[in-house]
PDB file of N, CA and C in Angstrom:
ATOM      1  N   MET A   1     -67.872 -93.593 100.583  1.00  0.00           N
ATOM      2  CA  MET A   1     -67.877 -91.781 100.644  1.00  0.00           C
ATOM      3  C   MET A   1     -67.546 -91.149 102.769  1.00  0.00           C
ATOM      4  N   LYS A   2     -66.584 -90.913 103.083  1.00  0.00           N
ATOM      5  CA  LYS A   2     -66.012 -90.827 104.133  1.00  0.00           C
ATOM      6  C   LYS A   2     -66.182 -89.436 105.137  1.00  0.00           C
ATOM      7  N   ASN A   3     -65.965 -88.516 103.977  1.00  0.00           N
ATOM      8  CA  ASN A   3     -65.476 -86.999 103.934  1.00  0.00           C
ATOM      9  C   ASN A   3     -67.013 -86.570 104.337  1.00  0.00           C
ATOM     10  N   ALA A   4     -68.110 -87.162 103.960  1.00  0.00           N
ATOM     11  CA  ALA A   4     -69.405 -86.530 104.417  1.00  0.00           C
ATOM     12  C   ALA A   4     -70.266 -87.453 104.421  1.00  0.00           C
ATOM     13  N   GLN A   5     -70.791 -87.781 105.659  1.00  0.00           N
ATOM     14  CA  GLN A   5     -71.855 -88.487 106.502  1.00  0.00           C
ATOM     15  C   GLN A   5     -72.804 -87.972 107.121  1.00  0.00           C
ATOM     16  N   LEU A   6     -74.026 -89.150 106.596  1.00  0.00           N
ATOM     17  CA  LEU A   6     -75.054 -88.784 107.415  1.00  0.00           C
ATOM     18  C   LEU A   6     -75.036 -88.775 108.878  1.00  0.00           C
ATOM     19  N   MET A   7     -76.003 -88.411 109.309  1.00  0.00           N
ATOM     20  CA  MET A   7     -76.184 -88.578 110.937  1.00  0.00           C
ATOM     21  C   MET A   7     -77.317 -88.633 111.097  1.00  0.00           C
ATOM     22  N   SER A   8     -77.597 -89.893 112.679  1.00  0.00           N
ATOM     23  CA  SER A   8     -79.132 -89.846 112.719  1.00  0.00           C
ATOM     24  C   SER A   8     -79.886 -89.205 113.783  1.00  0.00           C
ATOM     25  N   LEU A   9     -81.088 -89.232 114.096  1.00  0.00           N
ATOM     26  CA  LEU A   9     -81.450 -88.305 115.103  1.00  0.00           C
ATOM     27  C   LEU A   9     -81.968 -89.381 116.132  1.00  0.00           C
ATOM     28  N   GLY A  10     -82.177 -89.466 117.145  1.00  0.00           N
ATOM     29  CA  GLY A  10     -82.438 -90.864 118.264  1.00  0.00           C
ATOM     30  C   GLY A  10     -84.021 -89.950 118.575  1.00  0.00           C
ATOM     31  N   ASP A  11     -84.757 -90.506 119.550  1.00  0.00           N
ATOM     32  CA  ASP A  11     -86.004 -90.223 119.425  1.00  0.00           C
ATOM     33  C   ASP A  11     -86.503 -89.141 120.281  1.00  0.00           C
ATOM     34  N   MET A  12     -87.323 -88.333 120.096  1.00  0.00           N
ATOM     35  CA  MET A  12     -87.574 -87.263 120.797  1.00  0.00           C
ATOM     36  C   MET A  12     -87.833 -87.221 122.175  1.00  0.00           C
ATOM     37  N   THR A  13     -87.307 -87.008 123.390  1.00  0.00           N
ATOM     38  CA  THR A  13     -87.701 -86.929 124.387  1.00  0.00           C
ATOM     39  C   THR A  13     -88.003 -86.220 125.716  1.00  0.00           C
ATOM     40  N   VAL A  14     -88.916 -86.373 126.480  1.00  0.00           N
ATOM     41  CA  VAL A  14     -89.196 -85.227 127.294  1.00  0.00           C
ATOM     42  C   VAL A  14     -88.081 -84.960 128.575  1.00  0.00           C
ATOM     43  N   TYR A  15     -87.849 -83.678 128.158  1.00  0.00           N
ATOM     44  CA  TYR A  15     -86.292 -82.930 129.199  1.00  0.00           C
ATOM     45  C   TYR A  15     -87.418 -82.585 130.373  1.00  0.00           C
ATOM     46  N   SER A  16     -88.316 -81.865 130.032  1.00  0.00           N
ATOM     47  CA  SER A  16     -89.605 -81.167 131.118  1.00  0.00           C
ATOM     48  C   SER A  16     -90.324 -80.931 130.634  1.00  0.00           C
ATOM     49  N   PRO A  17     -91.456 -80.428 131.623  1.00  0.00           N
ATOM     50  CA  PRO A  17     -92.589 -80.103 131.164  1.00  0.00           C
ATOM     51  C   PRO A  17     -92.628 -79.364 129.966  1.00  0.00           C
ATOM     52  N   GLY A  18     -93.371 -79.510 128.770  1.00  0.00           N
ATOM     53  CA  GLY A  18     -93.427 -78.859 127.166  1.00  0.00           C
ATOM     54  C   GLY A  18     -92.337 -78.381 126.583  1.00  0.00           C
ATOM     55  N   VAL A  19     -91.092 -79.443 127.141  1.00  0.00           N
ATOM     56  CA  VAL A  19     -89.254 -79.141 126.617  1.00  0.00           C
ATOM     57  C   VAL A  19     -89.122 -80.765 126.001  1.00  0.00           C
ATOM     58  N   LEU A  20     -89.247 -80.700 124.509  1.00  0.00           N
ATOM     59  CA  LEU A  20     -88.791 -81.869 123.992  1.00  0.00           C
ATOM     60  C   LEU A  20     -87.296 -81.776 123.328  1.00  0.00           C
ATOM     61  N   VAL A  21     -86.281 -83.066 123.306  1.00  0.00           N
ATOM     62  CA  VAL A  21     -85.387 -82.645 123.237  1.00  0.00           C
ATOM     63  C   VAL A  21     -85.053 -83.680 121.681  1.00  0.00           C
ATOM     64  N   GLN A  22     -83.877 -83.889 121.338  1.00  0.00           N
ATOM     65  CA  GLN A  22     -83.702 -84.862 120.393  1.00  0.00           C
ATOM     66  C   GLN A  22     -82.085 -84.850 120.385  1.00  0.00           C
ATOM     67  N   HIS A  23     -81.568 -86.207 120.812  1.00  0.00           N
ATOM     68  CA  HIS A  23     -80.067 -85.964 120.362  1.00  0.00           C
ATOM     69  C   HIS A  23     -79.048 -86.960 119.236  1.00  0.00           C
ATOM     70  N   VAL A  24     -78.474 -86.273 118.193  1.00  0.00           N
ATOM     71  CA  VAL A  24     -77.317 -86.828 117.259  1.00  0.00           C
ATOM     72  C   VAL A  24     -77.249 -88.047 118.241  1.00  0.00           C
ATOM     73  N   GLU A  25     -77.955 -89.305 117.573  1.00  0.00           N
ATOM     74  CA  GLU A  25     -77.320 -90.235 118.066  1.00  0.00           C
ATOM     75  C   GLU A  25     -76.348 -91.199 117.140  1.00  0.00           C
ATOM     76  N   LYS A  26     -76.204 -91.245 115.822  1.00  0.00           N
ATOM     77  CA  LYS A  26     -74.293 -91.874 115.376  1.00  0.00           C
ATOM     78  C   LYS A  26     -74.168 -90.942 114.110  1.00  0.00           C
ATOM     79  N   ILE A  27     -72.832 -91.352 113.395  1.00  0.00           N
ATOM     80  CA  ILE A  27     -72.754 -91.181 112.600  1.00  0.00           C
ATOM     81  C   ILE A  27     -72.683 -92.340 111.591  1.00  0.00           C
ATOM     82  N   ALA A  28     -72.842 -92.771 110.105  1.00  0.00           N
ATOM     83  CA  ALA A  28     -72.963 -93.123 109.448  1.00  0.00           C
ATOM     84  C   ALA A  28     -71.873 -94.411 109.776  1.00  0.00           C
ATOM     85  N   ASP A  29     -70.504 -93.849 109.637  1.00  0.00           N
ATOM     86  CA  ASP A  29     -69.190 -94.707 110.110  1.00  0.00           C
ATOM     87  C   ASP A  29     -68.903 -94.962 111.429  1.00  0.00           C
ATOM     88  N   PRO A  30     -69.297 -96.130 112.104  1.00  0.00           N
ATOM     89  CA  PRO A  30     -68.949 -96.098 113.638  1.00  0.00           C
ATOM     90  C   PRO A  30     -67.879 -95.430 113.904  1.00  0.00           C
ATOM     91  N   GLU A  31     -66.588 -95.713 112.940  1.00  0.00           N
ATOM     92  CA  GLU A  31     -65.486 -95.130 113.497  1.00  0.00           C
ATOM     93  C   GLU A  31     -65.091 -94.100 113.385  1.00  0.00           C
ATOM     94  N   THR A  32     -66.211 -92.929 112.810  1.00  0.00           N
ATOM     95  CA  THR A  32     -65.887 -91.523 113.450  1.00  0.00           C
ATOM     96  C   THR A  32     -66.433 -90.674 114.589  1.00  0.00           C
ATOM     97  N   ALA A  33     -65.519 -90.062 115.293  1.00  0.00           N
ATOM     98  CA  ALA A  33     -66.333 -89.526 116.430  1.00  0.00           C
ATOM     99  C   ALA A  33     -66.565 -88.005 115.854  1.00  0.00           C
ATOM    100  N   CYS A  34     -67.888 -87.874 116.684  1.00  0.00           N
ATOM    101  CA  CYS A  34     -68.077 -86.272 115.950  1.00  0.00           C
ATOM    102  C   CYS A  34     -67.628 -85.767 117.753  1.00  0.00           C
ATOM    103  N   PRO A  35     -66.837 -84.785 117.538  1.00  0.00           N
ATOM    104  CA  PRO A  35     -66.314 -83.991 118.806  1.00  0.00           C
ATOM    105  C   PRO A  35     -67.251 -82.582 119.461  1.00  0.00           C
ATOM    106  N   VAL A  36     -68.328 -83.206 119.054  1.00  0.00           N
ATOM    107  CA  VAL A  36     -69.595 -82.238 119.292  1.00  0.00           C
ATOM    108  C   VAL A  36     -71.047 -82.815 119.894  1.00  0.00           C
ATOM    109  N   GLU A  37     -71.198 -81.842 120.476  1.00  0.00           N
ATOM    110  CA  GLU A  37     -73.055 -82.967 121.241  1.00  0.00           C
ATOM    111  C   GLU A  37     -73.863 -81.760 120.451  1.00  0.00           C
ATOM    112  N   LEU A  38     -74.918 -82.390 119.404  1.00  0.00           N
ATOM    113  CA  LEU A  38     -75.809 -81.856 119.242  1.00  0.00           C
ATOM    114  C   LEU A  38     -77.422 -82.207 119.554  1.00  0.00           C
ATOM    115  N   ILE A  39     -78.260 -81.218 119.402  1.00  0.00           N
ATOM    116  CA  ILE A  39     -79.322 -81.219 120.122  1.00  0.00           C
ATOM    117  C   ILE A  39     -80.314 -80.811 119.555  1.00  0.00           C
ATOM    118  N   GLU A  40     -81.415 -80.700 119.126  1.00  0.00           N
ATOM    119  CA  GLU A  40     -82.701 -80.196 118.623  1.00  0.00           C
ATOM    120  C   GLU A  40     -83.598 -80.536 119.599  1.00  0.00           C
ATOM    121  N   PHE A  41     -84.115 -78.854 120.134  1.00  0.00           N
ATOM    122  CA  PHE A  41     -85.461 -79.131 121.451  1.00  0.00           C
ATOM    123  C   PHE A  41     -86.275 -78.050 120.899  1.00  0.00           C
ATOM    124  N   ARG A  42     -87.351 -78.752 121.495  1.00  0.00           N
ATOM    125  CA  ARG A  42     -88.700 -77.220 121.462  1.00  0.00           C
ATOM    126  C   ARG A  42     -89.208 -77.210 122.592  1.00  0.00           C
ATOM    127  N   LEU A  43     -89.703 -75.755 123.187  1.00  0.00           N
ATOM    128  CA  LEU A  43     -90.537 -75.454 124.239  1.00  0.00           C
ATOM    129  C   LEU A  43     -91.908 -75.337 123.744  1.00  0.00           C
ATOM    130  N   ASP A  44     -92.557 -75.844 124.278  1.00  0.00           N
ATOM    131  CA  ASP A  44     -94.072 -75.407 123.897  1.00  0.00           C
ATOM    132  C   ASP A  44     -94.603 -73.963 123.840  1.00  0.00           C
ATOM    133  N   PRO A  45     -95.437 -73.536 123.512  1.00  0.00           N
ATOM    134  CA  PRO A  45     -95.623 -72.164 124.344  1.00  0.00           C
ATOM    135  C   PRO A  45     -96.045 -71.731 125.498  1.00  0.00           C
ATOM    136  N   PHE A  46     -95.226 -70.571 126.179  1.00  0.00           N
ATOM    137  CA  PHE A  46     -95.361 -70.261 127.666  1.00  0.00           C
ATOM    138  C   PHE A  46     -94.855 -71.259 128.575  1.00  0.00           C
ATOM    139  N   ALA A  47     -93.777 -72.164 127.970  1.00  0.00           N
ATOM    140  CA  ALA A  47     -92.873 -73.347 128.659  1.00  0.00           C
ATOM    141  C   ALA A  47     -91.595 -72.591 129.410  1.00  0.00           C
ATOM    142  N   VAL A  48     -91.514 -73.359 130.192  1.00  0.00           N
ATOM    143  CA  VAL A  48     -89.720 -72.714 130.569  1.00  0.00           C
ATOM    144  C   VAL A  48     -88.548 -74.333 131.102  1.00  0.00           C
ATOM    145  N   SER A  49     -87.693 -74.240 130.217  1.00  0.00           N
ATOM    146  CA  SER A  49     -86.828 -75.119 130.948  1.00  0.00           C
ATOM    147  C   SER A  49     -86.365 -75.054 131.879  1.00  0.00           C
ATOM    148  N   THR A  50     -85.827 -76.202 132.429  1.00  0.00           N
ATOM    149  CA  THR A  50     -85.386 -76.344 133.559  1.00  0.00           C
ATOM    150  C   THR A  50     -83.993 -75.991 133.826  1.00  0.00           C
ATOM    151  N   PRO A  51     -83.538 -74.696 134.853  1.00  0.00           N
ATOM    152  CA  PRO A  51     -82.308 -74.373 134.860  1.00  0.00           C
ATOM    153  C   PRO A  51     -81.033 -75.171 135.428  1.00  0.00           C
ATOM    154  N   HIS A  52     -80.213 -75.015 134.207  1.00  0.00           N
ATOM    155  CA  HIS A  52     -78.867 -75.981 134.822  1.00  0.00           C
ATOM    156  C   HIS A  52     -77.334 -75.646 134.079  1.00  0.00           C
ATOM    157  N   SER A  53     -76.500 -76.016 134.149  1.00  0.00           N
ATOM    158  CA  SER A  53     -75.045 -75.586 133.899  1.00  0.00           C
ATOM    159  C   SER A  53     -74.453 -76.995 133.614  1.00  0.00           C
ATOM    160  N   HIS A  54     -73.508 -77.129 132.942  1.00  0.00           N
ATOM    161  CA  HIS A  54     -72.380 -77.926 132.692  1.00  0.00           C
ATOM    162  C   HIS A  54     -71.487 -77.986 132.040  1.00  0.00           C
ATOM    163  N   PRO A  55     -70.233 -78.399 131.655  1.00  0.00           N
ATOM    164  CA  PRO A  55     -68.945 -78.403 131.673  1.00  0.00           C
ATOM    165  C   PRO A  55     -68.585 -78.458 130.506  1.00  0.00           C
ATOM    166  N   SER A  56     -69.612 -77.924 129.580  1.00  0.00           N
ATOM    167  CA  SER A  56     -69.371 -77.528 127.977  1.00  0.00           C
ATOM    168  C   SER A  56     -69.823 -76.117 127.427  1.00  0.00           C
ATOM    169  N   HIS A  57     -69.122 -75.467 126.822  1.00  0.00           N
ATOM    170  CA  HIS A  57     -69.438 -74.334 125.753  1.00  0.00           C
ATOM    171  C   HIS A  57     -70.613 -74.688 124.985  1.00  0.00           C
ATOM    172  N   GLU A  58     -71.695 -73.659 124.896  1.00  0.00           N
ATOM    173  CA  GLU A  58     -73.093 -74.524 123.936  1.00  0.00           C
ATOM    174  C   GLU A  58     -73.329 -72.794 123.272  1.00  0.00           C
ATOM    175  N   ILE A  59     -73.719 -73.406 122.001  1.00  0.00           N
ATOM    176  CA  ILE A  59     -74.412 -72.354 120.966  1.00  0.00           C
ATOM    177  C   ILE A  59     -75.686 -72.878 120.594  1.00  0.00           C
ATOM    178  N   TRP A  60     -76.559 -71.894 120.776  1.00  0.00           N
ATOM    179  CA  TRP A  60     -77.736 -72.106 120.418  1.00  0.00           C
ATOM    180  C   TRP A  60     -78.258 -71.172 119.350  1.00  0.00           C
ATOM    181  N   ARG A  61     -78.941 -72.083 118.284  1.00  0.00           N
ATOM    182  CA  ARG A  61     -79.472 -71.142 116.960  1.00  0.00           C
ATOM    183  C   ARG A  61     -80.949 -71.929 116.805  1.00  0.00           C
ATOM    184  N   ILE A  62     -81.750 -70.355 117.586  1.00  0.00           N
ATOM    185  CA  ILE A  62     -82.750 -70.119 117.421  1.00  0.00           C
ATOM    186  C   ILE A  62     -83.675 -70.289 116.089  1.00  0.00           C
ATOM    187  N   THR A  63     -84.801 -71.379 115.781  1.00  0.00           N
ATOM    188  CA  THR A  63     -84.758 -71.697 114.663  1.00  0.00           C
ATOM    189  C   THR A  63     -86.455 -71.469 114.460  1.00  0.00           C
ATOM    190  N   SER A  64     -87.183 -70.777 115.812  1.00  0.00           N
ATOM    191  CA  SER A  64     -88.358 -70.482 115.504  1.00  0.00           C
ATOM    192  C   SER A  64     -88.938 -70.108 116.608  1.00  0.00           C
ATOM    193  N   GLY A  65     -89.578 -69.095 116.793  1.00  0.00           N
ATOM    194  CA  GLY A  65     -90.354 -68.578 117.923  1.00  0.00           C
ATOM    195  C   GLY A  65     -89.316 -67.671 118.183  1.00  0.00           C
ATOM    196  N   HIS A  66     -89.446 -67.057 119.758  1.00  0.00           N
ATOM    197  CA  HIS A  66     -89.109 -66.167 120.501  1.00  0.00           C
ATOM    198  C   HIS A  66     -88.714 -66.069 122.112  1.00  0.00           C
ATOM    199  N   GLY A  67     -88.266 -66.204 122.454  1.00  0.00           N
ATOM    200  CA  GLY A  67     -87.954 -65.867 124.142  1.00  0.00           C
ATOM    201  C   GLY A  67     -87.239 -65.602 124.793  1.00  0.00           C
ATOM    202  N   ARG A  68     -86.655 -65.999 126.082  1.00  0.00           N
ATOM    203  CA  ARG A  68     -85.406 -65.284 126.849  1.00  0.00           C
ATOM    204  C   ARG A  68     -85.044 -66.124 126.956  1.00  0.00           C
ATOM    205  N   VAL A  69     -83.098 -66.004 127.009  1.00  0.00           N
ATOM    206  CA  VAL A  69     -82.069 -67.192 127.713  1.00  0.00           C
ATOM    207  C   VAL A  69     -81.931 -66.225 128.920  1.00  0.00           C
ATOM    208  N   ILE A  70     -82.390 -67.424 130.593  1.00  0.00           N
ATOM    209  CA  ILE A  70     -81.930 -66.301 131.021  1.00  0.00           C
ATOM    210  C   ILE A  70     -80.583 -67.177 132.313  1.00  0.00           C
ATOM    211  N   THR A  71     -79.848 -66.582 132.646  1.00  0.00           N
ATOM    212  CA  THR A  71     -78.826 -66.963 133.199  1.00  0.00           C
ATOM    213  C   THR A  71     -77.975 -66.223 134.467  1.00  0.00           C
ATOM    214  N   ASP A  72     -77.169 -66.122 135.395  1.00  0.00           N
ATOM    215  CA  ASP A  72     -77.135 -65.612 136.549  1.00  0.00           C
ATOM    216  C   ASP A  72     -76.636 -64.398 136.739  1.00  0.00           C
ATOM    217  N   ASP A  73     -76.514 -63.760 135.403  1.00  0.00           N
ATOM    218  CA  ASP A  73     -76.169 -62.412 135.489  1.00  0.00           C
ATOM    219  C   ASP A  73     -77.072 -61.648 134.536  1.00  0.00           C
ATOM    220  N   GLY A  74     -78.584 -62.388 134.157  1.00  0.00           N
ATOM    221  CA  GLY A  74     -79.523 -61.036 133.585  1.00  0.00           C
ATOM    222  C   GLY A  74     -80.240 -62.409 132.438  1.00  0.00           C
ATOM    223  N   GLU A  75     -80.669 -61.282 131.725  1.00  0.00           N
ATOM    224  CA  GLU A  75     -81.139 -62.028 130.282  1.00  0.00           C
ATOM    225  C   GLU A  75     -81.374 -61.704 128.792  1.00  0.00           C
ATOM    226  N   LEU A  76     -81.633 -62.260 127.772  1.00  0.00           N
ATOM    227  CA  LEU A  76     -81.164 -61.655 126.928  1.00  0.00           C
ATOM    228  C   LEU A  76     -82.477 -61.935 125.957  1.00  0.00           C
ATOM    229  N   VAL A  77     -83.001 -62.040 125.635  1.00  0.00           N
ATOM    230  CA  VAL A  77     -84.226 -61.601 124.600  1.00  0.00           C
ATOM    231  C   VAL A  77     -83.841 -62.172 122.900  1.00  0.00           C
ATOM    232  N   VAL A  78     -84.077 -63.290 123.007  1.00  0.00           N
ATOM    233  CA  VAL A  78     -83.871 -64.143 121.411  1.00  0.00           C
ATOM    234  C   VAL A  78     -85.285 -64.241 120.549  1.00  0.00           C
ATOM    235  N   THR A  79     -85.123 -64.664 119.082  1.00  0.00           N
ATOM    236  CA  THR A  79     -86.016 -64.797 118.123  1.00  0.00           C
ATOM    237  C   THR A  79     -85.577 -65.215 117.231  1.00  0.00           C
ATOM    238  N   ALA A  80     -86.018 -66.221 116.674  1.00  0.00           N
ATOM    239  CA  ALA A  80     -85.900 -66.900 115.371  1.00  0.00           C
ATOM    240  C   ALA A  80     -84.479 -66.514 114.414  1.00  0.00           C
ATOM    241  N   GLY A  81     -83.195 -67.007 114.454  1.00  0.00           N
ATOM    242  CA  GLY A  81     -82.629 -66.269 113.919  1.00  0.00           C
ATOM    243  C   GLY A  81     -81.353 -65.986 114.382  1.00  0.00           C
ATOM    244  N   ASP A  82     -81.472 -65.845 115.741  1.00  0.00           N
ATOM    245  CA  ASP A  82     -80.563 -65.639 116.965  1.00  0.00           C
ATOM    246  C   ASP A  82     -79.465 -67.067 116.801  1.00  0.00           C
ATOM    247  N   LEU A  83     -78.556 -66.420 116.482  1.00  0.00           N
ATOM    248  CA  LEU A  83     -77.302 -67.169 117.555  1.00  0.00           C
ATOM    249  C   LEU A  83     -77.146 -66.922 119.146  1.00  0.00           C
ATOM    250  N   VAL A  84     -76.682 -68.053 120.137  1.00  0.00           N
ATOM    251  CA  VAL A  84     -76.631 -67.568 121.618  1.00  0.00           C
ATOM    252  C   VAL A  84     -75.519 -68.474 122.217  1.00  0.00           C
ATOM    253  N   PHE A  85     -74.716 -67.966 122.524  1.00  0.00           N
ATOM    254  CA  PHE A  85     -73.227 -68.421 122.743  1.00  0.00           C
ATOM    255  C   PHE A  85     -73.315 -68.359 124.528  1.00  0.00           C
ATOM    256  N   LEU A  86     -73.207 -69.562 125.269  1.00  0.00           N
ATOM    257  CA  LEU A  86     -73.434 -70.059 126.610  1.00  0.00           C
ATOM    258  C   LEU A  86     -71.867 -70.358 126.820  1.00  0.00           C
ATOM    259  N   GLN A  87     -71.564 -69.732 128.335  1.00  0.00           N
ATOM    260  CA  GLN A  87     -70.307 -70.086 128.777  1.00  0.00           C
ATOM    261  C   GLN A  87     -70.445 -71.606 129.769  1.00  0.00           C
ATOM    262  N   PRO A  88     -69.480 -72.380 129.644  1.00  0.00           N
ATOM    263  CA  PRO A  88     -69.759 -73.577 130.274  1.00  0.00           C
ATOM    264  C   PRO A  88     -70.021 -73.212 131.592  1.00  0.00           C
ATOM    265  N   ASP A  89     -70.092 -74.105 132.471  1.00  0.00           N
ATOM    266  CA  ASP A  89     -70.393 -74.275 133.917  1.00  0.00           C
ATOM    267  C   ASP A  89     -71.208 -73.062 134.751  1.00  0.00           C
ATOM    268  N   ARG A  90     -72.174 -72.232 133.745  1.00  0.00           N
ATOM    269  CA  ARG A  90     -72.884 -71.169 134.592  1.00  0.00           C
ATOM    270  C   ARG A  90     -74.188 -71.384 133.891  1.00  0.00           C
ATOM    271  N   THR A  91     -75.431 -71.261 135.079  1.00  0.00           N
ATOM    272  CA  THR A  91     -76.920 -71.850 135.109  1.00  0.00           C
ATOM    273  C   THR A  91     -77.231 -71.113 133.658  1.00  0.00           C
ATOM    274  N   HIS A  92     -78.236 -71.622 133.275  1.00  0.00           N
ATOM    275  CA  HIS A  92     -79.140 -70.670 132.328  1.00  0.00           C
ATOM    276  C   HIS A  92     -80.449 -72.065 132.046  1.00  0.00           C
ATOM    277  N   HIS A  93     -81.709 -71.182 131.492  1.00  0.00           N
ATOM    278  CA  HIS A  93     -82.688 -71.731 130.885  1.00  0.00           C
ATOM    279  C   HIS A  93     -83.204 -70.726 130.034  1.00  0.00           C
ATOM    280  N   LEU A  94     -84.167 -71.505 129.182  1.00  0.00           N
ATOM    281  CA  LEU A  94     -84.558 -70.668 128.261  1.00  0.00           C
ATOM    282  C   LEU A  94     -86.132 -70.718 128.538  1.00  0.00           C
ATOM    283  N   GLU A  95     -86.852 -69.880 128.423  1.00  0.00           N
ATOM    284  CA  GLU A  95     -88.175 -69.496 128.615  1.00  0.00           C
ATOM    285  C   GLU A  95     -88.907 -69.189 126.907  1.00  0.00           C
ATOM    286  N   ASN A  96     -90.254 -69.373 126.997  1.00  0.00           N
ATOM    287  CA  ASN A  96     -90.892 -69.329 125.557  1.00  0.00           C
ATOM    288  C   ASN A  96     -91.899 -68.567 126.065  1.00  0.00           C
ATOM    289  N   CYS A  97     -91.810 -66.920 125.466  1.00  0.00           N
ATOM    290  CA  CYS A  97     -92.591 -66.393 125.801  1.00  0.00           C
ATOM    291  C   CYS A  97     -93.456 -66.011 124.776  1.00  0.00           C
ATOM    292  N   GLY A  98     -94.068 -66.821 123.474  1.00  0.00           N
ATOM    293  CA  GLY A  98     -94.693 -66.757 122.823  1.00  0.00           C
ATOM    294  C   GLY A  98     -96.197 -67.641 123.002  1.00  0.00           C
ATOM    295  N   SER A  99     -96.836 -68.034 122.245  1.00  0.00           N
ATOM    296  CA  SER A  99     -98.197 -69.004 121.488  1.00  0.00           C
ATOM    297  C   SER A  99     -97.504 -69.421 120.758  1.00  0.00           C
ATOM    298  N   ASP A 100     -96.175 -69.288 120.097  1.00  0.00           N
ATOM    299  CA  ASP A 100     -95.876 -70.638 119.136  1.00  0.00           C
ATOM    300  C   ASP A 100     -94.683 -71.058 119.940  1.00  0.00           C
ATOM    301  N   VAL A 101     -94.637 -72.300 119.123  1.00  0.00           N
ATOM    302  CA  VAL A 101     -93.301 -73.193 119.794  1.00  0.00           C
ATOM    303  C   VAL A 101     -91.985 -72.523 119.611  1.00  0.00           C
ATOM    304  N   LEU A 102     -91.443 -72.726 120.475  1.00  0.00           N
ATOM    305  CA  LEU A 102     -89.504 -71.885 120.727  1.00  0.00           C
ATOM    306  C   LEU A 102     -88.701 -73.132 120.045  1.00  0.00           C
ATOM    307  N   SER A 103     -88.369 -72.860 118.860  1.00  0.00           N
ATOM    308  CA  SER A 103     -87.380 -74.414 118.718  1.00  0.00           C
ATOM    309  C   SER A 103     -86.056 -73.465 118.565  1.00  0.00           C
ATOM    310  N   ALA A 104     -85.375 -74.672 118.817  1.00  0.00           N
ATOM    311  CA  ALA A 104     -83.394 -74.578 118.712  1.00  0.00           C
ATOM    312  C   ALA A 104     -83.211 -75.570 118.349  1.00  0.00           C
ATOM    313  N   LEU A 105     -81.572 -75.830 117.729  1.00  0.00           N
ATOM    314  CA  LEU A 105     -80.440 -76.523 117.464  1.00  0.00           C
ATOM    315  C   LEU A 105     -79.222 -75.706 118.512  1.00  0.00           C
ATOM    316  N   SER A 106     -78.775 -76.747 119.475  1.00  0.00           N
ATOM    317  CA  SER A 106     -77.463 -76.390 120.243  1.00  0.00           C
ATOM    318  C   SER A 106     -76.811 -77.264 120.182  1.00  0.00           C
ATOM    319  N   ILE A 107     -75.652 -76.671 119.805  1.00  0.00           N
ATOM    320  CA  ILE A 107     -73.881 -77.554 119.357  1.00  0.00           C
ATOM    321  C   ILE A 107     -73.239 -76.969 120.813  1.00  0.00           C
ATOM    322  N   SER A 108     -72.768 -78.336 121.507  1.00  0.00           N
ATOM    323  CA  SER A 108     -72.174 -77.706 122.535  1.00  0.00           C
ATOM    324  C   SER A 108     -70.853 -78.817 122.742  1.00  0.00           C
ATOM    325  N   TRP A 109     -69.588 -78.084 123.062  1.00  0.00           N
ATOM    326  CA  TRP A 109     -68.605 -78.966 123.061  1.00  0.00           C
ATOM    327  C   TRP A 109     -67.277 -79.077 124.266  1.00  0.00           C
ATOM    328  N   LYS A 110     -66.611 -79.948 124.426  1.00  0.00           N
ATOM    329  CA  LYS A 110     -66.031 -79.301 125.676  1.00  0.00           C
ATOM    330  C   LYS A 110     -64.693 -78.884 125.037  1.00  0.00           C
ATOM    331  N   GLU A 111     -63.863 -77.915 125.977  1.00  0.00           N
ATOM    332  CA  GLU A 111     -62.721 -77.335 125.348  1.00  0.00           C
ATOM    333  C   GLU A 111     -61.617 -78.259 125.653  1.00  0.00           C
ATOM    334  N   ALA A 112     -61.001 -78.558 124.077  1.00  0.00           N
ATOM    335  CA  ALA A 112     -59.450 -79.368 124.788  1.00  0.00           C
ATOM    336  C   ALA A 112     -58.377 -78.873 125.147  1.00  0.00           C
ATOM    337  N   ARG A 113     -58.194 -79.641 126.273  1.00  0.00           N
ATOM    338  CA  ARG A 113     -56.998 -79.107 127.075  1.00  0.00           C
ATOM    339  C   ARG A 113     -55.725 -79.653 126.983  1.00  0.00           C
TER     340      ARG A 113
END
């Protein structure tokens, strides 16, 4: 069955103190390319991710906890269930404002030219 395939996650790695990420490693069929990058990440209570930017569009689905998305033009309060769209090439980071783990799924892609 090639129209639906299982994907696997790699090992959980430390991105910065209190921030763990897990990338999608592969699709079952090695000839199938995934057009997006998928990452699951979590921030320990009161942890802050490292500010960064990249040339990809990104959507975060906040799956647990609450915090703030901080960008060059302000901040956005987020909680479990929220979807956040991030523009490419803009500095951003996430801050966990609570005593529970903040976790999210990130989907990013580069716009086709």
